[in-house]
């Protein structure tokens, strides 16, 4: 468990006179419809999507851009402030670097939160918002994780872990310990993995494990989650009203989720579907948090159908 806690715990910008360059990479023809992928975290990187899916999307007629957020992954920056506005400024910098006026945003997990808030502030820069395994209400996500974990431990008569759940539920829900321990139990109970993996998914994960970028898959910084928690209180975010506002303003919003993703209850998915529309959300079997790897063909077909 301690190891799990530690796990959770190109453009220019000038900080203290030092030029910092963010890691970014493109796939496909710059004349095709642009897609900007925003990775999960905080503290993670785009390596999984970059290696497994970016080129496949490009092969289907898209100009795909990936990047690691400032201070995360390969975009090292000791002066990173870990605020949403800093992140927005960097996204705008990506737009300028690749001559984009508007783009289709694919936000995975925490990246979906970033994408939603960016769309709210800069709607003129977004053609479509695609939420992939995005927590709409993080407080509800934590409750789901703890309730589901409790059921598992009761079934196993696991008294030790039941005591851990009791302890976590008494913690300050805005604390580092609360979210770190909660996500730790999600990992421990396999909430990020499909119960049954397709042959396609097995091949994708196998190829990723052989790629040089695989080493980044387990590299999560502590600075980013601590920084976003301190500066943005991000674990208390609820996007419900923001999404309702965007829908009322005719923003195109779609969702892709896996039925085996233990971070979200069926009720949470139903609530999101009610907001964005029944036809705008696909809920896949044999699929968990990494939709673009667990059900890649269905993921790409959905993007092709929605991005015109």
C-alpha atoms as a PDB file:
ATOM      1  CA  UNK A   1       0.000   0.000   0.000  1.00  0.00           C
ATOM      2  CA  UNK A   2       2.855   2.403   0.758  1.00  0.00           C
ATOM      3  CA  UNK A   3       4.167   1.928  -2.778  1.00  0.00           C
ATOM      4  CA  UNK A   4       0.715   2.714  -4.148  1.00  0.00           C
ATOM      5  CA  UNK A   5       0.537   5.931  -2.140  1.00  0.00           C
ATOM      6  CA  UNK A   6       3.906   7.050  -3.493  1.00  0.00           C
ATOM      7  CA  UNK A   7       2.689   6.289  -7.002  1.00  0.00           C
ATOM      8  CA  UNK A   8      -0.205   8.685  -6.723  1.00  0.00           C
ATOM      9  CA  UNK A   9       1.355  11.009  -4.315  1.00  0.00           C
ATOM     10  CA  UNK A  10       7.237  21.692 -28.743  1.00  0.00           C
ATOM     11  CA  UNK A  11       6.455  25.149 -26.977  1.00  0.00           C
ATOM     12  CA  UNK A  12       8.219  27.673 -24.799  1.00  0.00           C
ATOM     13  CA  UNK A  13       7.343  29.574 -21.662  1.00  0.00           C
ATOM     14  CA  UNK A  14       9.684  31.659 -19.501  1.00  0.00           C
ATOM     15  CA  UNK A  15      10.002  31.019 -15.781  1.00  0.00           C
ATOM     16  CA  UNK A  16      12.706  32.745 -13.766  1.00  0.00           C
ATOM     17  CA  UNK A  17      14.493  33.508 -17.016  1.00  0.00           C
ATOM     18  CA  UNK A  18      14.744  29.826 -18.031  1.00  0.00           C
ATOM     19  CA  UNK A  19      13.039  28.566 -21.205  1.00  0.00           C
ATOM     20  CA  UNK A  20      11.050  25.402 -20.564  1.00  0.00           C
ATOM     21  CA  UNK A  21       9.959  23.162 -23.437  1.00  0.00           C
ATOM     22  CA  UNK A  22       6.973  20.845 -23.232  1.00  0.00           C
ATOM     23  CA  UNK A  23       7.062  17.383 -24.726  1.00  0.00           C
ATOM     24  CA  UNK A  24       4.699  17.099 -27.695  1.00  0.00           C
ATOM     25  CA  UNK A  25       4.376  14.950 -30.797  1.00  0.00           C
ATOM     26  CA  UNK A  26       2.112  14.843 -33.833  1.00  0.00           C
ATOM     27  CA  UNK A  27       0.735  12.062 -36.018  1.00  0.00           C
ATOM     28  CA  UNK A  28      -0.858  12.344 -39.448  1.00  0.00           C
ATOM     29  CA  UNK A  29      -1.476  15.132 -41.924  1.00  0.00           C
ATOM     30  CA  UNK A  30      -1.701  18.673 -40.567  1.00  0.00           C
ATOM     31  CA  UNK A  31      -4.509  19.366 -43.058  1.00  0.00           C
ATOM     32  CA  UNK A  32      -6.781  16.754 -41.456  1.00  0.00           C
ATOM     33  CA  UNK A  33      -9.200  17.399 -38.595  1.00  0.00           C
ATOM     34  CA  UNK A  34      -7.064  18.165 -35.513  1.00  0.00           C
ATOM     35  CA  UNK A  35      -7.379  16.138 -32.323  1.00  0.00           C
ATOM     36  CA  UNK A  36      -5.578  17.177 -29.143  1.00  0.00           C
ATOM     37  CA  UNK A  37      -5.251  14.442 -26.528  1.00  0.00           C
ATOM     38  CA  UNK A  38      -5.170  15.500 -22.864  1.00  0.00           C
ATOM     39  CA  UNK A  39      -3.822  12.755 -20.608  1.00  0.00           C
ATOM     40  CA  UNK A  40      -4.873  11.645 -17.154  1.00  0.00           C
ATOM     41  CA  UNK A  41      -3.310  12.213 -13.782  1.00  0.00           C
ATOM     42  CA  UNK A  42      -2.380  14.593 -12.339  1.00  0.00           C
ATOM     43  CA  UNK A  43       1.204  13.408 -12.503  1.00  0.00           C
ATOM     44  CA  UNK A  44       0.866  11.077 -15.460  1.00  0.00           C
ATOM     45  CA  UNK A  45       1.723  11.392 -19.195  1.00  0.00           C
ATOM     46  CA  UNK A  46       0.437  10.597 -22.690  1.00  0.00           C
ATOM     47  CA  UNK A  47       2.709   7.580 -23.345  1.00  0.00           C
ATOM     48  CA  UNK A  48      -0.054   4.953 -23.348  1.00  0.00           C
ATOM     49  CA  UNK A  49      -2.262   6.771 -25.851  1.00  0.00           C
ATOM     50  CA  UNK A  50       0.720   8.006 -27.865  1.00  0.00           C
ATOM     51  CA  UNK A  51       2.119   4.505 -28.358  1.00  0.00           C
ATOM     52  CA  UNK A  52      -1.107   2.555 -28.765  1.00  0.00           C
ATOM     53  CA  UNK A  53      -3.644   4.785 -30.451  1.00  0.00           C
ATOM     54  CA  UNK A  54      -2.370   8.104 -31.836  1.00  0.00           C
ATOM     55  CA  UNK A  55      -1.084   6.650 -35.110  1.00  0.00           C
ATOM     56  CA  UNK A  56      -4.185   4.485 -35.515  1.00  0.00           C
ATOM     57  CA  UNK A  57      -6.347   7.590 -35.265  1.00  0.00           C
ATOM     58  CA  UNK A  58      -4.093   9.384 -37.744  1.00  0.00           C
ATOM     59  CA  UNK A  59      -4.479   6.463 -40.153  1.00  0.00           C
ATOM     60  CA  UNK A  60      -8.209   7.152 -40.061  1.00  0.00           C
ATOM     61  CA  UNK A  61      -7.864  10.721 -41.266  1.00  0.00           C
ATOM     62  CA  UNK A  62      -7.010  12.831 -38.229  1.00  0.00           C
ATOM     63  CA  UNK A  63      -4.135  15.127 -37.278  1.00  0.00           C
ATOM     64  CA  UNK A  64      -3.363  13.924 -33.751  1.00  0.00           C
ATOM     65  CA  UNK A  65      -1.384  15.920 -31.213  1.00  0.00           C
ATOM     66  CA  UNK A  66      -0.235  14.570 -27.861  1.00  0.00           C
ATOM     67  CA  UNK A  67       1.700  16.316 -25.116  1.00  0.00           C
ATOM     68  CA  UNK A  68       2.681  15.934 -21.471  1.00  0.00           C
ATOM     69  CA  UNK A  69       1.430  18.646 -19.132  1.00  0.00           C
ATOM     70  CA  UNK A  70       3.934  21.000 -17.590  1.00  0.00           C
ATOM     71  CA  UNK A  71       5.767  19.369 -14.696  1.00  0.00           C
ATOM     72  CA  UNK A  72       4.407  15.924 -15.634  1.00  0.00           C
ATOM     73  CA  UNK A  73       5.844  13.044 -17.639  1.00  0.00           C
ATOM     74  CA  UNK A  74       8.492  14.210 -20.078  1.00  0.00           C
ATOM     75  CA  UNK A  75       7.658  17.916 -19.657  1.00  0.00           C
ATOM     76  CA  UNK A  76       9.887  18.408 -16.632  1.00  0.00           C
ATOM     77  CA  UNK A  77       9.741  21.891 -15.127  1.00  0.00           C
ATOM     78  CA  UNK A  78      10.813  22.581 -11.568  1.00  0.00           C
ATOM     79  CA  UNK A  79       8.926  25.884 -11.755  1.00  0.00           C
ATOM     80  CA  UNK A  80       5.591  24.386 -12.769  1.00  0.00           C
ATOM     81  CA  UNK A  81       2.766  26.009 -10.803  1.00  0.00           C
ATOM     82  CA  UNK A  82       0.140  23.292 -11.328  1.00  0.00           C
ATOM     83  CA  UNK A  83      -2.843  25.561 -11.879  1.00  0.00           C
ATOM     84  CA  UNK A  84      -5.603  25.241 -14.452  1.00  0.00           C
ATOM     85  CA  UNK A  85      -4.739  28.623 -15.931  1.00  0.00           C
ATOM     86  CA  UNK A  86      -1.124  27.585 -16.448  1.00  0.00           C
ATOM     87  CA  UNK A  87      -2.432  24.448 -18.165  1.00  0.00           C
ATOM     88  CA  UNK A  88      -4.803  26.497 -20.328  1.00  0.00           C
ATOM     89  CA  UNK A  89      -1.964  28.797 -21.335  1.00  0.00           C
ATOM     90  CA  UNK A  90       0.086  25.769 -22.361  1.00  0.00           C
ATOM     91  CA  UNK A  91      -2.810  24.392 -24.419  1.00  0.00           C
ATOM     92  CA  UNK A  92      -3.114  27.728 -26.196  1.00  0.00           C
ATOM     93  CA  UNK A  93       0.634  27.517 -26.793  1.00  0.00           C
ATOM     94  CA  UNK A  94       0.084  24.090 -28.418  1.00  0.00           C
ATOM     95  CA  UNK A  95      -2.553  25.672 -30.645  1.00  0.00           C
ATOM     96  CA  UNK A  96      -0.095  28.351 -31.716  1.00  0.00           C
ATOM     97  CA  UNK A  97       2.729  25.880 -32.267  1.00  0.00           C
ATOM     98  CA  UNK A  98       0.649  23.768 -34.621  1.00  0.00           C
ATOM     99  CA  UNK A  99      -1.352  26.638 -36.174  1.00  0.00           C
ATOM    100  CA  UNK A 100      -4.707  25.532 -34.801  1.00  0.00           C
ATOM    101  CA  UNK A 101      -7.716  27.815 -34.636  1.00  0.00           C
ATOM    102  CA  UNK A 102     -10.016  25.107 -33.265  1.00  0.00           C
ATOM    103  CA  UNK A 103      -9.459  21.497 -32.255  1.00  0.00           C
ATOM    104  CA  UNK A 104     -11.320  18.413 -31.121  1.00  0.00           C
ATOM    105  CA  UNK A 105     -10.337  17.697 -27.524  1.00  0.00           C
ATOM    106  CA  UNK A 106     -10.080  14.149 -26.205  1.00  0.00           C
ATOM    107  CA  UNK A 107      -9.698  14.262 -22.440  1.00  0.00           C
ATOM    108  CA  UNK A 108      -8.840  11.037 -20.635  1.00  0.00           C
ATOM    109  CA  UNK A 109      -9.661  10.814 -16.922  1.00  0.00           C
ATOM    110  CA  UNK A 110      -8.273  13.992 -15.257  1.00  0.00           C
ATOM    111  CA  UNK A 111      -7.515  15.233 -18.772  1.00  0.00           C
ATOM    112  CA  UNK A 112     -11.276  15.312 -19.327  1.00  0.00           C
ATOM    113  CA  UNK A 113     -11.634  17.698 -16.397  1.00  0.00           C
ATOM    114  CA  UNK A 114      -8.970  19.939 -17.930  1.00  0.00           C
ATOM    115  CA  UNK A 115     -10.660  19.713 -21.350  1.00  0.00           C
ATOM    116  CA  UNK A 116     -14.078  20.596 -19.910  1.00  0.00           C
ATOM    117  CA  UNK A 117     -12.824  23.622 -17.991  1.00  0.00           C
ATOM    118  CA  UNK A 118     -10.790  24.775 -21.014  1.00  0.00           C
ATOM    119  CA  UNK A 119     -13.895  24.471 -23.213  1.00  0.00           C
ATOM    120  CA  UNK A 120     -15.898  26.501 -20.712  1.00  0.00           C
ATOM    121  CA  UNK A 121     -13.344  29.326 -20.810  1.00  0.00           C
ATOM    122  CA  UNK A 122     -12.392  29.155 -24.502  1.00  0.00           C
ATOM    123  CA  UNK A 123     -15.425  27.722 -26.340  1.00  0.00           C
ATOM    124  CA  UNK A 124     -14.341  29.342 -29.605  1.00  0.00           C
ATOM    125  CA  UNK A 125     -11.252  27.114 -29.647  1.00  0.00           C
ATOM    126  CA  UNK A 126     -13.083  23.773 -29.308  1.00  0.00           C
ATOM    127  CA  UNK A 127     -14.881  21.927 -32.101  1.00  0.00           C
ATOM    128  CA  UNK A 128     -15.832  18.916 -29.977  1.00  0.00           C
ATOM    129  CA  UNK A 129     -15.316  17.760 -26.400  1.00  0.00           C
ATOM    130  CA  UNK A 130     -14.749  14.021 -25.936  1.00  0.00           C
ATOM    131  CA  UNK A 131     -14.811  12.732 -22.363  1.00  0.00           C
ATOM    132  CA  UNK A 132     -13.036   9.402 -21.951  1.00  0.00           C
ATOM    133  CA  UNK A 133     -13.309   7.786 -18.502  1.00  0.00           C
ATOM    134  CA  UNK A 134     -13.629  11.279 -17.051  1.00  0.00           C
ATOM    135  CA  UNK A 135     -14.825  11.753 -13.453  1.00  0.00           C
ATOM    136  CA  UNK A 136     -17.770  14.159 -13.600  1.00  0.00           C
ATOM    137  CA  UNK A 137     -17.918  14.351  -9.809  1.00  0.00           C
ATOM    138  CA  UNK A 138     -14.735  13.333  -8.036  1.00  0.00           C
ATOM    139  CA  UNK A 139     -16.453  13.160  -4.617  1.00  0.00           C
ATOM    140  CA  UNK A 140     -18.898  10.637  -6.105  1.00  0.00           C
ATOM    141  CA  UNK A 141     -16.020   8.719  -7.688  1.00  0.00           C
ATOM    142  CA  UNK A 142     -14.289   8.354  -4.331  1.00  0.00           C
ATOM    143  CA  UNK A 143     -17.530   7.165  -2.741  1.00  0.00           C
ATOM    144  CA  UNK A 144     -17.941   4.598  -5.508  1.00  0.00           C
ATOM    145  CA  UNK A 145     -14.403   3.313  -5.037  1.00  0.00           C
ATOM    146  CA  UNK A 146     -14.800   2.953  -1.283  1.00  0.00           C
ATOM    147  CA  UNK A 147     -18.276   1.402  -1.446  1.00  0.00           C
ATOM    148  CA  UNK A 148     -17.239  -1.088  -4.127  1.00  0.00           C
ATOM    149  CA  UNK A 149     -14.056  -1.958  -2.241  1.00  0.00           C
ATOM    150  CA  UNK A 150     -16.050  -2.496   0.933  1.00  0.00           C
ATOM    151  CA  UNK A 151     -18.321  -4.999  -0.857  1.00  0.00           C
ATOM    152  CA  UNK A 152     -15.275  -6.913  -2.089  1.00  0.00           C
ATOM    153  CA  UNK A 153     -13.699  -7.038   1.359  1.00  0.00           C
ATOM    154  CA  UNK A 154     -16.974  -8.112   2.998  1.00  0.00           C
ATOM    155  CA  UNK A 155     -17.270 -10.965   0.503  1.00  0.00           C
ATOM    156  CA  UNK A 156     -13.709 -12.019   1.317  1.00  0.00           C
ATOM    157  CA  UNK A 157     -14.125 -11.451   5.048  1.00  0.00           C
ATOM    158  CA  UNK A 158     -11.051  -9.224   4.768  1.00  0.00           C
ATOM    159  CA  UNK A 159     -11.169  -7.524   8.167  1.00  0.00           C
ATOM    160  CA  UNK A 160      -7.865  -5.714   7.725  1.00  0.00           C
ATOM    161  CA  UNK A 161      -8.936  -3.904   4.552  1.00  0.00           C
ATOM    162  CA  UNK A 162     -12.405  -3.239   5.951  1.00  0.00           C
ATOM    163  CA  UNK A 163     -10.690  -1.399   8.787  1.00  0.00           C
ATOM    164  CA  UNK A 164      -8.709   0.579   6.196  1.00  0.00           C
ATOM    165  CA  UNK A 165     -11.948   1.592   4.460  1.00  0.00           C
ATOM    166  CA  UNK A 166     -13.411   2.689   7.808  1.00  0.00           C
ATOM    167  CA  UNK A 167     -10.308   4.769   8.402  1.00  0.00           C
ATOM    168  CA  UNK A 168     -10.392   6.410   4.964  1.00  0.00           C
ATOM    169  CA  UNK A 169     -14.074   7.313   5.240  1.00  0.00           C
ATOM    170  CA  UNK A 170     -13.291   9.279   8.418  1.00  0.00           C
ATOM    171  CA  UNK A 171     -10.516  11.286   6.709  1.00  0.00           C
ATOM    172  CA  UNK A 172     -10.811  14.800   5.346  1.00  0.00           C
ATOM    173  CA  UNK A 173     -12.077  14.143   1.776  1.00  0.00           C
ATOM    174  CA  UNK A 174      -9.959  17.035   0.493  1.00  0.00           C
ATOM    175  CA  UNK A 175      -6.708  15.620   1.849  1.00  0.00           C
ATOM    176  CA  UNK A 176      -3.878  13.965  -0.074  1.00  0.00           C
ATOM    177  CA  UNK A 177      -4.217  10.873   2.099  1.00  0.00           C
ATOM    178  CA  UNK A 178      -7.926  10.456   1.313  1.00  0.00           C
ATOM    179  CA  UNK A 179      -7.583  10.455  -2.466  1.00  0.00           C
ATOM    180  CA  UNK A 180      -4.286   8.534  -2.454  1.00  0.00           C
ATOM    181  CA  UNK A 181      -5.617   5.713  -0.279  1.00  0.00           C
ATOM    182  CA  UNK A 182      -8.884   5.624  -2.250  1.00  0.00           C
ATOM    183  CA  UNK A 183      -7.095   5.273  -5.574  1.00  0.00           C
ATOM    184  CA  UNK A 184      -4.776   2.760  -3.937  1.00  0.00           C
ATOM    185  CA  UNK A 185      -7.729   0.481  -3.178  1.00  0.00           C
ATOM    186  CA  UNK A 186      -9.025   0.993  -6.723  1.00  0.00           C
ATOM    187  CA  UNK A 187      -5.721  -0.303  -8.063  1.00  0.00           C
ATOM    188  CA  UNK A 188      -5.574  -3.116  -5.518  1.00  0.00           C
ATOM    189  CA  UNK A 189      -9.024  -4.332  -6.563  1.00  0.00           C
ATOM    190  CA  UNK A 190      -8.416  -4.176 -10.304  1.00  0.00           C
ATOM    191  CA  UNK A 191     -10.796  -1.303 -11.015  1.00  0.00           C
ATOM    192  CA  UNK A 192      -8.619  -0.104 -13.907  1.00  0.00           C
ATOM    193  CA  UNK A 193      -8.613  -3.415 -15.792  1.00  0.00           C
ATOM    194  CA  UNK A 194     -11.335  -5.165 -17.825  1.00  0.00           C
ATOM    195  CA  UNK A 195     -12.589  -8.438 -16.385  1.00  0.00           C
ATOM    196  CA  UNK A 196     -12.208 -10.073 -19.797  1.00  0.00           C
ATOM    197  CA  UNK A 197      -9.688  -8.731 -22.296  1.00  0.00           C
ATOM    198  CA  UNK A 198     -10.202  -9.096 -26.046  1.00  0.00           C
ATOM    199  CA  UNK A 199      -7.472 -10.479 -28.295  1.00  0.00           C
ATOM    200  CA  UNK A 200      -7.112  -7.017 -29.802  1.00  0.00           C
ATOM    201  CA  UNK A 201      -6.547  -5.498 -26.366  1.00  0.00           C
ATOM    202  CA  UNK A 202      -4.076  -8.219 -25.374  1.00  0.00           C
ATOM    203  CA  UNK A 203      -1.995  -7.441 -28.474  1.00  0.00           C
ATOM    204  CA  UNK A 204      -2.136  -3.692 -27.809  1.00  0.00           C
ATOM    205  CA  UNK A 205      -0.970  -4.046 -24.209  1.00  0.00           C
ATOM    206  CA  UNK A 206       1.719  -6.531 -25.243  1.00  0.00           C
ATOM    207  CA  UNK A 207       3.091  -4.188 -27.899  1.00  0.00           C
ATOM    208  CA  UNK A 208       3.034  -1.270 -25.473  1.00  0.00           C
ATOM    209  CA  UNK A 209       5.017  -3.303 -22.936  1.00  0.00           C
ATOM    210  CA  UNK A 210       7.733  -3.806 -25.561  1.00  0.00           C
ATOM    211  CA  UNK A 211       7.896  -0.123 -26.533  1.00  0.00           C
ATOM    212  CA  UNK A 212      10.599   2.180 -25.176  1.00  0.00           C
ATOM    213  CA  UNK A 213       7.923   4.536 -23.814  1.00  0.00           C
ATOM    214  CA  UNK A 214       6.515   1.813 -21.536  1.00  0.00           C
ATOM    215  CA  UNK A 215       8.883   2.906 -18.780  1.00  0.00           C
ATOM    216  CA  UNK A 216       6.758   6.037 -18.380  1.00  0.00           C
ATOM    217  CA  UNK A 217       3.620   3.993 -17.679  1.00  0.00           C
ATOM    218  CA  UNK A 218       4.458   3.648 -13.990  1.00  0.00           C
ATOM    219  CA  UNK A 219       6.111   7.028 -13.560  1.00  0.00           C
ATOM    220  CA  UNK A 220       3.754   9.355 -11.735  1.00  0.00           C
ATOM    221  CA  UNK A 221       5.081  12.441 -10.010  1.00  0.00           C
ATOM    222  CA  UNK A 222       3.955  13.480  -6.544  1.00  0.00           C
ATOM    223  CA  UNK A 223       4.378  17.189  -7.279  1.00  0.00           C
ATOM    224  CA  UNK A 224       1.502  17.416  -9.781  1.00  0.00           C
ATOM    225  CA  UNK A 225      -1.306  15.895  -7.669  1.00  0.00           C
ATOM    226  CA  UNK A 226      -0.111  17.778  -4.604  1.00  0.00           C
ATOM    227  CA  UNK A 227       0.123  21.013  -6.591  1.00  0.00           C
ATOM    228  CA  UNK A 228      -3.322  20.733  -8.211  1.00  0.00           C
ATOM    229  CA  UNK A 229      -4.806  19.763  -4.859  1.00  0.00           C
ATOM    230  CA  UNK A 230      -3.268  22.766  -3.117  1.00  0.00           C
ATOM    231  CA  UNK A 231      -3.988  25.294  -5.857  1.00  0.00           C
ATOM    232  CA  UNK A 232      -7.259  24.033  -7.348  1.00  0.00           C
ATOM    233  CA  UNK A 233      -8.753  21.685  -4.720  1.00  0.00           C
ATOM    234  CA  UNK A 234      -9.327  19.421  -7.686  1.00  0.00           C
ATOM    235  CA  UNK A 235     -10.561  16.391  -5.728  1.00  0.00           C
ATOM    236  CA  UNK A 236     -13.730  18.346  -4.876  1.00  0.00           C
ATOM    237  CA  UNK A 237     -14.582  19.170  -8.501  1.00  0.00           C
ATOM    238  CA  UNK A 238     -18.073  18.455  -9.806  1.00  0.00           C
ATOM    239  CA  UNK A 239     -18.505  19.216 -13.524  1.00  0.00           C
ATOM    240  CA  UNK A 240     -22.269  18.678 -13.647  1.00  0.00           C
ATOM    241  CA  UNK A 241     -23.322  22.331 -13.905  1.00  0.00           C
ATOM    242  CA  UNK A 242     -20.444  23.155 -16.243  1.00  0.00           C
ATOM    243  CA  UNK A 243     -21.470  20.392 -18.653  1.00  0.00           C
ATOM    244  CA  UNK A 244     -25.111  21.448 -18.475  1.00  0.00           C
ATOM    245  CA  UNK A 245     -24.073  24.992 -19.350  1.00  0.00           C
ATOM    246  CA  UNK A 246     -21.941  23.813 -22.271  1.00  0.00           C
ATOM    247  CA  UNK A 247     -24.771  21.654 -23.630  1.00  0.00           C
ATOM    248  CA  UNK A 248     -27.172  24.595 -23.413  1.00  0.00           C
ATOM    249  CA  UNK A 249     -24.641  26.595 -25.440  1.00  0.00           C
ATOM    250  CA  UNK A 250     -24.704  23.912 -28.176  1.00  0.00           C
ATOM    251  CA  UNK A 251     -21.216  22.550 -27.447  1.00  0.00           C
ATOM    252  CA  UNK A 252     -20.748  19.097 -28.944  1.00  0.00           C
ATOM    253  CA  UNK A 253     -19.970  16.758 -26.044  1.00  0.00           C
ATOM    254  CA  UNK A 254     -19.519  12.984 -26.219  1.00  0.00           C
ATOM    255  CA  UNK A 255     -18.505  10.283 -23.757  1.00  0.00           C
ATOM    256  CA  UNK A 256     -16.713   6.941 -23.941  1.00  0.00           C
ATOM    257  CA  UNK A 257     -16.674   4.718 -20.862  1.00  0.00           C
ATOM    258  CA  UNK A 258     -16.063   1.084 -19.953  1.00  0.00           C
ATOM    259  CA  UNK A 259     -18.516  -1.041 -17.975  1.00  0.00           C
ATOM    260  CA  UNK A 260     -15.621  -2.573 -16.027  1.00  0.00           C
ATOM    261  CA  UNK A 261     -14.253   0.798 -14.901  1.00  0.00           C
ATOM    262  CA  UNK A 262     -14.579   0.553 -11.131  1.00  0.00           C
ATOM    263  CA  UNK A 263     -14.257   4.305 -10.644  1.00  0.00           C
ATOM    264  CA  UNK A 264     -17.796   4.937 -11.842  1.00  0.00           C
ATOM    265  CA  UNK A 265     -21.145   3.413 -10.920  1.00  0.00           C
ATOM    266  CA  UNK A 266     -23.834   2.723 -13.507  1.00  0.00           C
ATOM    267  CA  UNK A 267     -25.794   5.568 -11.911  1.00  0.00           C
ATOM    268  CA  UNK A 268     -22.957   8.038 -12.566  1.00  0.00           C
ATOM    269  CA  UNK A 269     -22.823   7.020 -16.232  1.00  0.00           C
ATOM    270  CA  UNK A 270     -26.598   7.342 -16.521  1.00  0.00           C
ATOM    271  CA  UNK A 271     -26.458  10.846 -15.060  1.00  0.00           C
ATOM    272  CA  UNK A 272     -23.818  11.886 -17.590  1.00  0.00           C
ATOM    273  CA  UNK A 273     -25.840  10.352 -20.422  1.00  0.00           C
ATOM    274  CA  UNK A 274     -28.850  12.376 -19.308  1.00  0.00           C
ATOM    275  CA  UNK A 275     -26.779  15.571 -19.538  1.00  0.00           C
ATOM    276  CA  UNK A 276     -25.103  15.039 -22.907  1.00  0.00           C
ATOM    277  CA  UNK A 277     -27.776  12.920 -24.593  1.00  0.00           C
ATOM    278  CA  UNK A 278     -28.419   9.214 -25.040  1.00  0.00           C
ATOM    279  CA  UNK A 279     -26.819   9.072 -28.473  1.00  0.00           C
ATOM    280  CA  UNK A 280     -23.703  10.905 -27.326  1.00  0.00           C
ATOM    281  CA  UNK A 281     -22.360   8.306 -24.912  1.00  0.00           C
ATOM    282  CA  UNK A 282     -20.999   4.839 -25.667  1.00  0.00           C
ATOM    283  CA  UNK A 283     -20.660   2.398 -22.768  1.00  0.00           C
ATOM    284  CA  UNK A 284     -18.524  -0.582 -23.756  1.00  0.00           C
ATOM    285  CA  UNK A 285     -18.434  -4.167 -22.530  1.00  0.00           C
ATOM    286  CA  UNK A 286     -15.067  -5.753 -21.654  1.00  0.00           C
ATOM    287  CA  UNK A 287     -13.607  -2.309 -21.137  1.00  0.00           C
ATOM    288  CA  UNK A 288     -12.251  -0.385 -18.175  1.00  0.00           C
ATOM    289  CA  UNK A 289     -10.418   2.919 -17.702  1.00  0.00           C
ATOM    290  CA  UNK A 290      -8.162   2.868 -20.782  1.00  0.00           C
ATOM    291  CA  UNK A 291     -10.965   2.778 -23.345  1.00  0.00           C
ATOM    292  CA  UNK A 292      -8.608   3.518 -26.242  1.00  0.00           C
ATOM    293  CA  UNK A 293      -6.644   0.346 -25.460  1.00  0.00           C
ATOM    294  CA  UNK A 294      -9.336  -1.933 -24.050  1.00  0.00           C
ATOM    295  CA  UNK A 295     -11.692  -1.372 -27.003  1.00  0.00           C
ATOM    296  CA  UNK A 296      -9.557   0.446 -29.561  1.00  0.00           C
ATOM    297  CA  UNK A 297     -11.594  -0.333 -32.680  1.00  0.00           C
ATOM    298  CA  UNK A 298     -14.827   0.800 -31.023  1.00  0.00           C
ATOM    299  CA  UNK A 299     -13.042   3.880 -29.677  1.00  0.00           C
ATOM    300  CA  UNK A 300     -11.784   4.894 -33.128  1.00  0.00           C
ATOM    301  CA  UNK A 301     -15.122   4.185 -34.803  1.00  0.00           C
ATOM    302  CA  UNK A 302     -16.843   6.397 -32.249  1.00  0.00           C
ATOM    303  CA  UNK A 303     -14.432   9.256 -32.937  1.00  0.00           C
ATOM    304  CA  UNK A 304     -14.925   8.846 -36.692  1.00  0.00           C
ATOM    305  CA  UNK A 305     -18.699   8.989 -36.280  1.00  0.00           C
ATOM    306  CA  UNK A 306     -18.621  12.058 -34.078  1.00  0.00           C
ATOM    307  CA  UNK A 307     -15.834  14.166 -35.561  1.00  0.00           C
ATOM    308  CA  UNK A 308     -17.024  15.485 -38.906  1.00  0.00           C
END
